[in-house]
Amino acid sequence: QAGYPKGIRTLGFPATVGKIDAALFDKEKKKTYFFVGDKYWRFDEKRQSMEPGFPRQIAEDFPGVDTKVDAAFEAFGFYYFFSGASQLEFDPNARKVT
């Protein structure tokens, strides 16, 4: 498609972010979470803009997820995080690893 791929700066990342480690789309909330090192950003898909107040610490908002996130996805209302060979299932409503 013309105009793609786009640079990550078009999403609102600062120049200090050179790459994204993982991304997760929450279809219910219409939010995309981008994980970079020990921080994350949240993108509002409806407004097509990065939400204010980010980045935030992953460990603060996702208790139990205290390692670098290599991959992530959402399924059946849960977030699944991968770091190396480890997998965590996170309940975003209860805000805890299950």
N, C-alpha and C. Protein backbone atom coordinates (compact mmCIF):
# COMPACT_ATOMS: atom_id res chain seq x y z
N GLN A 1 0.85 -1.17 0.00
CA GLN A 1 0.00 0.00 0.00
C GLN A 1 0.89 1.23 0.00
N ALA A 2 0.52 2.22 -0.74
CA ALA A 2 1.29 3.45 -0.84
C ALA A 2 1.40 4.13 0.52
N GLY A 3 2.59 4.64 0.81
CA GLY A 3 2.80 5.35 2.07
C GLY A 3 3.20 4.46 3.23
N TYR A 4 3.32 3.15 2.98
CA TYR A 4 3.69 2.21 4.04
C TYR A 4 4.94 1.47 3.65
N PRO A 5 5.75 1.04 4.56
CA PRO A 5 5.59 1.21 6.01
C PRO A 5 5.88 2.64 6.43
N LYS A 6 5.29 3.02 7.55
CA LYS A 6 5.50 4.35 8.11
C LYS A 6 6.48 4.24 9.27
N GLY A 7 7.21 5.31 9.52
CA GLY A 7 8.11 5.35 10.66
C GLY A 7 7.33 5.42 11.96
N ILE A 8 7.93 4.93 13.04
CA ILE A 8 7.23 4.92 14.32
C ILE A 8 7.00 6.33 14.87
N ARG A 9 7.74 7.32 14.41
CA ARG A 9 7.53 8.69 14.87
C ARG A 9 6.14 9.21 14.48
N THR A 10 5.58 8.68 13.40
CA THR A 10 4.26 9.13 12.97
C THR A 10 3.18 8.77 13.98
N LEU A 11 3.47 7.82 14.87
CA LEU A 11 2.53 7.43 15.92
C LEU A 11 2.65 8.31 17.16
N GLY A 12 3.73 9.09 17.24
CA GLY A 12 3.91 9.97 18.38
C GLY A 12 5.02 9.57 19.33
N PHE A 13 5.87 8.63 18.92
CA PHE A 13 7.00 8.25 19.77
C PHE A 13 8.08 9.32 19.72
N PRO A 14 8.79 9.51 20.84
CA PRO A 14 9.91 10.47 20.84
C PRO A 14 11.09 9.91 20.04
N ALA A 15 12.01 10.77 19.68
CA ALA A 15 13.18 10.38 18.88
C ALA A 15 14.05 9.36 19.61
N THR A 16 13.94 9.27 20.93
CA THR A 16 14.75 8.33 21.71
C THR A 16 14.31 6.88 21.52
N VAL A 17 13.12 6.66 20.98
CA VAL A 17 12.64 5.29 20.74
C VAL A 17 13.03 4.89 19.33
N GLY A 18 13.95 3.92 19.25
CA GLY A 18 14.42 3.45 17.96
C GLY A 18 13.69 2.23 17.46
N LYS A 19 13.14 1.44 18.40
CA LYS A 19 12.41 0.24 18.00
C LYS A 19 11.40 -0.12 19.09
N ILE A 20 10.41 -0.88 18.70
CA ILE A 20 9.37 -1.34 19.62
C ILE A 20 9.62 -2.82 19.89
N ASP A 21 9.61 -3.21 21.17
CA ASP A 21 9.85 -4.61 21.53
C ASP A 21 8.63 -5.49 21.26
N ALA A 22 7.44 -4.96 21.55
CA ALA A 22 6.21 -5.74 21.39
C ALA A 22 5.02 -4.78 21.31
N ALA A 23 3.93 -5.25 20.74
CA ALA A 23 2.70 -4.47 20.67
C ALA A 23 1.52 -5.39 20.92
N LEU A 24 0.48 -4.83 21.52
CA LEU A 24 -0.72 -5.60 21.86
C LEU A 24 -1.92 -4.73 21.54
N PHE A 25 -2.89 -5.25 20.80
CA PHE A 25 -4.11 -4.52 20.50
C PHE A 25 -5.25 -5.08 21.34
N ASP A 26 -5.91 -4.22 22.12
CA ASP A 26 -7.08 -4.60 22.89
C ASP A 26 -8.30 -4.17 22.08
N LYS A 27 -8.95 -5.14 21.44
CA LYS A 27 -10.06 -4.83 20.53
C LYS A 27 -11.27 -4.25 21.25
N GLU A 28 -11.47 -4.62 22.52
CA GLU A 28 -12.60 -4.09 23.28
C GLU A 28 -12.41 -2.62 23.62
N LYS A 29 -11.22 -2.27 24.06
CA LYS A 29 -10.91 -0.89 24.45
C LYS A 29 -10.47 -0.03 23.27
N LYS A 30 -10.17 -0.67 22.14
CA LYS A 30 -9.66 0.03 20.95
C LYS A 30 -8.38 0.79 21.27
N LYS A 31 -7.49 0.10 21.99
CA LYS A 31 -6.19 0.67 22.38
C LYS A 31 -5.09 -0.28 21.94
N THR A 32 -3.98 0.29 21.50
CA THR A 32 -2.80 -0.50 21.20
C THR A 32 -1.72 -0.12 22.20
N TYR A 33 -1.14 -1.12 22.82
CA TYR A 33 -0.08 -0.94 23.80
C TYR A 33 1.25 -1.26 23.12
N PHE A 34 2.21 -0.36 23.25
CA PHE A 34 3.54 -0.55 22.68
C PHE A 34 4.54 -0.67 23.82
N PHE A 35 5.31 -1.73 23.83
CA PHE A 35 6.27 -2.02 24.89
C PHE A 35 7.69 -1.77 24.40
N VAL A 36 8.41 -0.95 25.16
CA VAL A 36 9.79 -0.59 24.83
C VAL A 36 10.60 -0.64 26.11
N GLY A 37 11.50 -1.62 26.23
CA GLY A 37 12.29 -1.75 27.46
C GLY A 37 11.37 -2.00 28.64
N ASP A 38 11.49 -1.17 29.69
CA ASP A 38 10.65 -1.33 30.88
C ASP A 38 9.45 -0.37 30.90
N LYS A 39 9.17 0.25 29.75
CA LYS A 39 8.08 1.22 29.65
C LYS A 39 7.09 0.80 28.57
N TYR A 40 5.91 1.46 28.61
CA TYR A 40 4.94 1.23 27.54
C TYR A 40 4.20 2.52 27.22
N TRP A 41 3.70 2.58 26.02
CA TRP A 41 2.88 3.68 25.53
C TRP A 41 1.52 3.09 25.15
N ARG A 42 0.48 3.94 25.18
CA ARG A 42 -0.86 3.49 24.78
C ARG A 42 -1.38 4.41 23.67
N PHE A 43 -1.79 3.79 22.59
CA PHE A 43 -2.28 4.51 21.41
C PHE A 43 -3.79 4.33 21.31
N ASP A 44 -4.51 5.44 21.17
CA ASP A 44 -5.96 5.42 21.04
C ASP A 44 -6.30 5.26 19.56
N GLU A 45 -6.83 4.11 19.20
CA GLU A 45 -7.12 3.83 17.79
C GLU A 45 -8.27 4.68 17.26
N LYS A 46 -9.22 5.04 18.11
CA LYS A 46 -10.34 5.88 17.66
C LYS A 46 -9.85 7.28 17.30
N ARG A 47 -9.01 7.84 18.16
CA ARG A 47 -8.51 9.20 17.95
C ARG A 47 -7.26 9.24 17.07
N GLN A 48 -6.68 8.06 16.86
CA GLN A 48 -5.44 7.94 16.08
C GLN A 48 -4.33 8.81 16.66
N SER A 49 -4.16 8.71 18.00
CA SER A 49 -3.10 9.47 18.65
C SER A 49 -2.63 8.76 19.91
N MET A 50 -1.39 9.04 20.27
CA MET A 50 -0.82 8.51 21.50
C MET A 50 -1.52 9.20 22.67
N GLU A 51 -1.83 8.45 23.71
CA GLU A 51 -2.51 9.03 24.85
C GLU A 51 -1.54 9.82 25.71
N PRO A 52 -2.01 10.92 26.31
CA PRO A 52 -1.14 11.70 27.20
C PRO A 52 -0.80 10.92 28.46
N GLY A 53 0.31 11.29 29.09
CA GLY A 53 0.71 10.65 30.34
C GLY A 53 1.60 9.44 30.15
N PHE A 54 2.01 9.19 28.93
CA PHE A 54 2.86 8.04 28.63
C PHE A 54 4.20 8.53 28.11
N PRO A 55 5.27 7.76 28.34
CA PRO A 55 5.30 6.36 28.74
C PRO A 55 5.08 6.18 30.24
N ARG A 56 4.73 4.96 30.59
CA ARG A 56 4.58 4.55 31.99
C ARG A 56 5.39 3.27 32.19
N GLN A 57 5.68 2.96 33.45
CA GLN A 57 6.42 1.76 33.78
C GLN A 57 5.53 0.53 33.63
N ILE A 58 6.02 -0.47 32.92
CA ILE A 58 5.25 -1.71 32.73
C ILE A 58 4.92 -2.34 34.08
N ALA A 59 5.92 -2.48 34.95
CA ALA A 59 5.74 -3.17 36.24
C ALA A 59 4.70 -2.48 37.13
N GLU A 60 4.52 -1.18 36.99
CA GLU A 60 3.54 -0.47 37.82
C GLU A 60 2.11 -0.75 37.38
N ASP A 61 1.88 -0.80 36.08
CA ASP A 61 0.52 -0.95 35.56
C ASP A 61 0.15 -2.39 35.21
N PHE A 62 1.16 -3.24 35.12
CA PHE A 62 0.95 -4.66 34.84
C PHE A 62 1.69 -5.46 35.92
N PRO A 63 1.18 -5.44 37.17
CA PRO A 63 1.86 -6.13 38.27
C PRO A 63 2.13 -7.59 37.93
N GLY A 64 3.36 -8.01 38.18
CA GLY A 64 3.75 -9.38 37.87
C GLY A 64 4.47 -9.50 36.55
N VAL A 65 4.34 -8.49 35.72
CA VAL A 65 5.07 -8.45 34.44
C VAL A 65 6.27 -7.53 34.68
N ASP A 66 7.33 -8.12 35.20
CA ASP A 66 8.48 -7.31 35.61
C ASP A 66 9.73 -7.63 34.80
N THR A 67 9.52 -8.05 33.57
CA THR A 67 10.63 -8.38 32.69
C THR A 67 10.36 -7.76 31.32
N LYS A 68 11.36 -7.70 30.49
CA LYS A 68 11.21 -7.16 29.14
C LYS A 68 10.19 -8.00 28.37
N VAL A 69 9.30 -7.34 27.67
CA VAL A 69 8.27 -8.02 26.89
C VAL A 69 8.78 -8.18 25.46
N ASP A 70 8.88 -9.44 25.01
CA ASP A 70 9.33 -9.73 23.64
C ASP A 70 8.17 -9.83 22.66
N ALA A 71 7.01 -10.25 23.15
CA ALA A 71 5.82 -10.40 22.31
C ALA A 71 4.60 -10.36 23.22
N ALA A 72 3.47 -9.97 22.65
CA ALA A 72 2.23 -9.89 23.44
C ALA A 72 1.03 -9.98 22.51
N PHE A 73 -0.07 -10.49 23.06
CA PHE A 73 -1.33 -10.48 22.33
C PHE A 73 -2.48 -10.56 23.32
N GLU A 74 -3.69 -10.24 22.85
CA GLU A 74 -4.90 -10.29 23.66
C GLU A 74 -5.78 -11.40 23.11
N ALA A 75 -6.35 -12.20 24.01
CA ALA A 75 -7.31 -13.24 23.61
C ALA A 75 -8.23 -13.54 24.78
N PHE A 76 -9.52 -13.63 24.49
CA PHE A 76 -10.52 -14.01 25.50
C PHE A 76 -10.49 -13.11 26.73
N GLY A 77 -10.16 -11.83 26.53
CA GLY A 77 -10.14 -10.87 27.63
C GLY A 77 -8.87 -10.87 28.46
N PHE A 78 -7.90 -11.67 28.09
CA PHE A 78 -6.62 -11.73 28.81
C PHE A 78 -5.51 -11.22 27.90
N TYR A 79 -4.45 -10.70 28.52
CA TYR A 79 -3.25 -10.31 27.79
C TYR A 79 -2.21 -11.40 28.02
N TYR A 80 -1.52 -11.78 26.98
CA TYR A 80 -0.47 -12.79 27.07
C TYR A 80 0.86 -12.12 26.74
N PHE A 81 1.79 -12.24 27.68
CA PHE A 81 3.11 -11.64 27.53
C PHE A 81 4.16 -12.73 27.43
N PHE A 82 5.13 -12.52 26.55
CA PHE A 82 6.22 -13.47 26.37
C PHE A 82 7.54 -12.74 26.59
N SER A 83 8.43 -13.42 27.30
CA SER A 83 9.79 -12.93 27.51
C SER A 83 10.70 -14.15 27.42
N GLY A 84 11.48 -14.23 26.36
CA GLY A 84 12.28 -15.43 26.15
C GLY A 84 11.35 -16.63 26.04
N ALA A 85 11.62 -17.66 26.85
CA ALA A 85 10.80 -18.87 26.84
C ALA A 85 9.63 -18.80 27.82
N SER A 86 9.49 -17.69 28.53
CA SER A 86 8.43 -17.56 29.54
C SER A 86 7.18 -16.90 28.97
N GLN A 87 6.02 -17.35 29.46
CA GLN A 87 4.74 -16.77 29.08
C GLN A 87 3.96 -16.43 30.34
N LEU A 88 3.31 -15.27 30.33
CA LEU A 88 2.45 -14.86 31.44
C LEU A 88 1.06 -14.56 30.90
N GLU A 89 0.04 -14.95 31.66
CA GLU A 89 -1.34 -14.59 31.35
C GLU A 89 -1.74 -13.51 32.35
N PHE A 90 -2.19 -12.37 31.83
CA PHE A 90 -2.51 -11.22 32.67
C PHE A 90 -3.98 -10.88 32.50
N ASP A 91 -4.68 -10.71 33.63
CA ASP A 91 -6.08 -10.30 33.62
C ASP A 91 -6.12 -8.77 33.75
N PRO A 92 -6.45 -8.03 32.69
CA PRO A 92 -6.42 -6.58 32.78
C PRO A 92 -7.50 -5.99 33.69
N ASN A 93 -8.59 -6.71 33.91
CA ASN A 93 -9.64 -6.22 34.81
C ASN A 93 -9.23 -6.36 36.27
N ALA A 94 -8.63 -7.48 36.62
CA ALA A 94 -8.16 -7.71 37.99
C ALA A 94 -6.77 -7.12 38.21
N ARG A 95 -6.11 -6.73 37.12
CA ARG A 95 -4.75 -6.18 37.13
C ARG A 95 -3.78 -7.11 37.84
N LYS A 96 -3.78 -8.39 37.41
CA LYS A 96 -2.84 -9.35 37.99
C LYS A 96 -2.56 -10.49 37.03
N VAL A 97 -1.40 -11.11 37.24
CA VAL A 97 -1.03 -12.31 36.50
C VAL A 97 -1.86 -13.44 37.06
N THR A 98 -2.43 -14.27 36.17
CA THR A 98 -3.28 -15.37 36.64
C THR A 98 -2.51 -16.68 36.70
